[in-house]
Amino acid sequence: VIERAKRILEVLESHDISVEARRTAPRIRRPSRPLKADALQLTLFSPKPNPIIEELKKLDLDNMTPIQALNKLYELKLKAEKEGWRK
């Protein structure tokens, strides 16, 4: 919404927006390019929590040894690949 408002503002600022000019001003059309993923409308309900992210949140990193951290990271990577996450 904000991106669209900025584009409209740029067009209006670059043109004369008097009453006479409004009648002849070009119509602003929606962009034909696809929207970015972060520009899409948010869902009304919260999404299903991701078990891998939930597991990451529960980790006590301050009390893990480097090898424990690497092993856990490898385990989570395998789970993510099994669920179809991109590499």
N, C-alpha and C. Protein backbone atom coordinates (compact mmCIF):
# COMPACT_ATOMS: atom_id res chain seq x y z
N VAL A 1 0.84 -1.19 0.00
CA VAL A 1 0.00 0.00 0.00
C VAL A 1 0.88 1.24 0.00
N ILE A 2 1.92 1.23 0.83
CA ILE A 2 2.79 2.40 0.94
C ILE A 2 3.55 2.62 -0.36
N GLU A 3 4.03 1.52 -0.97
CA GLU A 3 4.76 1.64 -2.23
C GLU A 3 3.86 2.25 -3.30
N ARG A 4 2.63 1.79 -3.36
CA ARG A 4 1.67 2.33 -4.36
C ARG A 4 1.40 3.81 -4.10
N ALA A 5 1.22 4.18 -2.84
CA ALA A 5 0.97 5.57 -2.49
C ALA A 5 2.16 6.45 -2.88
N LYS A 6 3.37 5.94 -2.69
CA LYS A 6 4.56 6.70 -3.08
C LYS A 6 4.61 6.92 -4.59
N ARG A 7 4.25 5.88 -5.36
CA ARG A 7 4.25 6.03 -6.83
C ARG A 7 3.20 7.05 -7.26
N ILE A 8 2.03 7.01 -6.65
CA ILE A 8 0.98 7.97 -7.00
C ILE A 8 1.42 9.38 -6.64
N LEU A 9 2.04 9.54 -5.48
CA LEU A 9 2.52 10.85 -5.05
C LEU A 9 3.56 11.39 -6.02
N GLU A 10 4.47 10.53 -6.48
CA GLU A 10 5.49 10.96 -7.45
C GLU A 10 4.83 11.47 -8.73
N VAL A 11 3.83 10.75 -9.20
CA VAL A 11 3.14 11.16 -10.43
C VAL A 11 2.43 12.49 -10.22
N LEU A 12 1.76 12.62 -9.08
CA LEU A 12 1.04 13.86 -8.81
C LEU A 12 1.99 15.03 -8.64
N GLU A 13 3.12 14.82 -8.00
CA GLU A 13 4.08 15.90 -7.81
C GLU A 13 4.75 16.29 -9.12
N SER A 14 4.88 15.35 -10.04
CA SER A 14 5.53 15.67 -11.31
C SER A 14 4.57 16.32 -12.31
N HIS A 15 3.29 16.35 -12.01
CA HIS A 15 2.29 16.95 -12.91
C HIS A 15 1.59 18.09 -12.19
N ASP A 16 0.99 18.94 -12.99
CA ASP A 16 0.14 20.01 -12.45
C ASP A 16 -1.15 19.34 -11.97
N ILE A 17 -1.51 19.55 -10.72
CA ILE A 17 -2.70 18.88 -10.19
C ILE A 17 -3.85 19.86 -9.97
N SER A 18 -3.89 20.90 -10.76
CA SER A 18 -5.01 21.83 -10.67
C SER A 18 -6.27 21.14 -11.20
N VAL A 19 -7.42 21.79 -11.01
CA VAL A 19 -8.69 21.21 -11.44
C VAL A 19 -8.68 20.95 -12.95
N GLU A 20 -8.16 21.90 -13.72
CA GLU A 20 -8.11 21.73 -15.17
C GLU A 20 -7.17 20.58 -15.55
N ALA A 21 -6.07 20.48 -14.85
CA ALA A 21 -5.09 19.44 -15.18
C ALA A 21 -5.59 18.05 -14.81
N ARG A 22 -6.43 17.96 -13.80
CA ARG A 22 -6.94 16.65 -13.39
C ARG A 22 -7.75 15.98 -14.49
N ARG A 23 -8.45 16.80 -15.29
CA ARG A 23 -9.27 16.24 -16.37
C ARG A 23 -8.41 15.62 -17.46
N THR A 24 -7.20 16.15 -17.66
CA THR A 24 -6.35 15.67 -18.73
C THR A 24 -5.19 14.80 -18.24
N ALA A 25 -5.07 14.64 -16.94
CA ALA A 25 -3.95 13.86 -16.39
C ALA A 25 -4.09 12.39 -16.77
N PRO A 26 -2.96 11.74 -17.02
CA PRO A 26 -3.02 10.31 -17.37
C PRO A 26 -3.50 9.48 -16.18
N ARG A 27 -4.23 8.43 -16.48
CA ARG A 27 -4.70 7.53 -15.43
C ARG A 27 -3.53 6.71 -14.92
N ILE A 28 -3.50 6.47 -13.64
CA ILE A 28 -2.44 5.66 -13.04
C ILE A 28 -2.91 4.22 -13.04
N ARG A 29 -2.12 3.36 -13.65
CA ARG A 29 -2.48 1.95 -13.75
C ARG A 29 -1.61 1.13 -12.81
N ARG A 30 -2.14 -0.01 -12.45
CA ARG A 30 -1.37 -0.93 -11.61
C ARG A 30 -0.18 -1.45 -12.42
N PRO A 31 0.93 -1.71 -11.75
CA PRO A 31 2.09 -2.24 -12.48
C PRO A 31 1.81 -3.63 -13.02
N SER A 32 2.37 -3.92 -14.18
CA SER A 32 2.14 -5.23 -14.78
C SER A 32 3.11 -6.27 -14.25
N ARG A 33 4.16 -5.82 -13.56
CA ARG A 33 5.13 -6.76 -13.00
C ARG A 33 4.56 -7.44 -11.77
N PRO A 34 4.98 -8.64 -11.48
CA PRO A 34 4.46 -9.34 -10.29
C PRO A 34 4.93 -8.66 -9.01
N LEU A 35 4.12 -8.76 -7.99
CA LEU A 35 4.46 -8.16 -6.70
C LEU A 35 5.54 -8.97 -6.01
N LYS A 36 6.35 -8.28 -5.21
CA LYS A 36 7.35 -8.98 -4.41
C LYS A 36 6.63 -9.74 -3.31
N ALA A 37 7.27 -10.78 -2.81
CA ALA A 37 6.66 -11.61 -1.78
C ALA A 37 6.31 -10.80 -0.54
N ASP A 38 7.16 -9.82 -0.18
CA ASP A 38 6.88 -9.03 1.02
C ASP A 38 5.79 -8.00 0.79
N ALA A 39 5.35 -7.81 -0.46
CA ALA A 39 4.30 -6.85 -0.75
C ALA A 39 2.91 -7.49 -0.75
N LEU A 40 2.86 -8.79 -0.59
CA LEU A 40 1.58 -9.48 -0.60
C LEU A 40 0.80 -9.21 0.68
N GLN A 41 -0.49 -9.33 0.62
CA GLN A 41 -1.33 -9.10 1.78
C GLN A 41 -1.10 -10.20 2.82
N LEU A 42 -1.06 -9.78 4.06
CA LEU A 42 -0.88 -10.74 5.15
C LEU A 42 -2.16 -11.53 5.36
N THR A 43 -2.00 -12.72 5.89
CA THR A 43 -3.17 -13.55 6.14
C THR A 43 -3.93 -13.04 7.36
N LEU A 44 -5.19 -13.34 7.41
CA LEU A 44 -6.02 -12.91 8.53
C LEU A 44 -5.71 -13.72 9.78
N PHE A 45 -5.38 -14.98 9.60
CA PHE A 45 -5.08 -15.86 10.72
C PHE A 45 -3.58 -16.13 10.76
N SER A 46 -3.07 -16.41 11.94
CA SER A 46 -1.63 -16.68 12.03
C SER A 46 -1.29 -18.00 11.34
N PRO A 47 -0.13 -18.02 10.70
CA PRO A 47 0.27 -19.24 9.99
C PRO A 47 0.64 -20.34 10.97
N LYS A 48 0.63 -21.57 10.46
CA LYS A 48 1.00 -22.72 11.26
C LYS A 48 2.47 -22.60 11.64
N PRO A 49 2.82 -22.76 12.91
CA PRO A 49 4.22 -22.61 13.30
C PRO A 49 5.09 -23.68 12.67
N ASN A 50 6.28 -23.29 12.29
CA ASN A 50 7.23 -24.22 11.69
C ASN A 50 7.97 -24.94 12.80
N PRO A 51 7.95 -26.27 12.82
CA PRO A 51 8.59 -27.02 13.90
C PRO A 51 10.09 -26.79 13.99
N ILE A 52 10.75 -26.55 12.88
CA ILE A 52 12.19 -26.32 12.90
C ILE A 52 12.50 -24.98 13.57
N ILE A 53 11.73 -23.96 13.25
CA ILE A 53 11.93 -22.65 13.88
C ILE A 53 11.63 -22.73 15.36
N GLU A 54 10.57 -23.46 15.72
CA GLU A 54 10.24 -23.62 17.14
C GLU A 54 11.37 -24.34 17.88
N GLU A 55 11.97 -25.32 17.24
CA GLU A 55 13.09 -26.04 17.86
C GLU A 55 14.30 -25.12 18.02
N LEU A 56 14.54 -24.27 17.03
CA LEU A 56 15.64 -23.31 17.13
C LEU A 56 15.44 -22.35 18.30
N LYS A 57 14.21 -21.90 18.49
CA LYS A 57 13.91 -20.97 19.58
C LYS A 57 14.18 -21.59 20.95
N LYS A 58 14.01 -22.90 21.06
CA LYS A 58 14.16 -23.58 22.34
C LYS A 58 15.62 -23.89 22.68
N LEU A 59 16.53 -23.76 21.73
CA LEU A 59 17.92 -24.12 21.97
C LEU A 59 18.58 -23.18 22.98
N ASP A 60 19.38 -23.74 23.86
CA ASP A 60 20.16 -22.96 24.82
C ASP A 60 21.58 -22.87 24.29
N LEU A 61 21.81 -21.94 23.40
CA LEU A 61 23.08 -21.84 22.70
C LEU A 61 24.25 -21.51 23.63
N ASP A 62 23.97 -20.79 24.70
CA ASP A 62 25.04 -20.40 25.62
C ASP A 62 25.63 -21.60 26.36
N ASN A 63 24.89 -22.67 26.46
CA ASN A 63 25.36 -23.84 27.18
C ASN A 63 25.68 -25.02 26.28
N MET A 64 25.84 -24.77 24.99
CA MET A 64 26.20 -25.83 24.04
C MET A 64 27.67 -25.72 23.69
N THR A 65 28.29 -26.88 23.51
CA THR A 65 29.66 -26.87 23.02
C THR A 65 29.62 -26.63 21.51
N PRO A 66 30.74 -26.23 20.93
CA PRO A 66 30.75 -26.02 19.47
C PRO A 66 30.35 -27.28 18.69
N ILE A 67 30.77 -28.44 19.14
CA ILE A 67 30.41 -29.66 18.41
C ILE A 67 28.92 -29.97 18.56
N GLN A 68 28.35 -29.70 19.73
CA GLN A 68 26.91 -29.89 19.92
C GLN A 68 26.13 -28.94 19.00
N ALA A 69 26.60 -27.70 18.89
CA ALA A 69 25.93 -26.73 18.03
C ALA A 69 26.00 -27.16 16.57
N LEU A 70 27.17 -27.64 16.14
CA LEU A 70 27.29 -28.11 14.75
C LEU A 70 26.42 -29.33 14.48
N ASN A 71 26.38 -30.25 15.43
CA ASN A 71 25.53 -31.44 15.26
C ASN A 71 24.06 -31.06 15.18
N LYS A 72 23.63 -30.12 16.04
CA LYS A 72 22.23 -29.69 16.03
C LYS A 72 21.92 -28.97 14.71
N LEU A 73 22.84 -28.15 14.25
CA LEU A 73 22.66 -27.45 12.98
C LEU A 73 22.51 -28.44 11.82
N TYR A 74 23.34 -29.46 11.83
CA TYR A 74 23.27 -30.49 10.79
C TYR A 74 21.92 -31.22 10.86
N GLU A 75 21.48 -31.55 12.08
CA GLU A 75 20.19 -32.24 12.27
C GLU A 75 19.04 -31.38 11.74
N LEU A 76 19.05 -30.09 12.06
CA LEU A 76 17.99 -29.19 11.60
C LEU A 76 18.03 -29.02 10.08
N LYS A 77 19.23 -29.00 9.51
CA LYS A 77 19.37 -28.89 8.06
C LYS A 77 18.74 -30.11 7.38
N LEU A 78 19.00 -31.30 7.92
CA LEU A 78 18.40 -32.51 7.35
C LEU A 78 16.88 -32.48 7.44
N LYS A 79 16.35 -32.01 8.58
CA LYS A 79 14.89 -31.90 8.72
C LYS A 79 14.32 -30.93 7.69
N ALA A 80 15.00 -29.81 7.51
CA ALA A 80 14.53 -28.81 6.55
C ALA A 80 14.52 -29.37 5.14
N GLU A 81 15.57 -30.09 4.78
CA GLU A 81 15.62 -30.69 3.44
C GLU A 81 14.54 -31.74 3.27
N LYS A 82 14.27 -32.50 4.34
CA LYS A 82 13.23 -33.52 4.28
C LYS A 82 11.85 -32.90 4.08
N GLU A 83 11.65 -31.71 4.65
CA GLU A 83 10.37 -31.00 4.49
C GLU A 83 10.28 -30.23 3.17
N GLY A 84 11.34 -30.27 2.39
CA GLY A 84 11.28 -29.64 1.07
C GLY A 84 11.78 -28.21 1.02
N TRP A 85 12.50 -27.75 2.02
CA TRP A 85 13.07 -26.42 1.98
C TRP A 85 14.18 -26.40 0.96
N ARG A 86 14.37 -25.25 0.33
CA ARG A 86 15.44 -25.12 -0.66
C ARG A 86 16.80 -25.11 0.02
N LYS A 87 17.78 -25.53 -0.72
CA LYS A 87 19.15 -25.54 -0.21
C LYS A 87 19.77 -24.18 -0.34
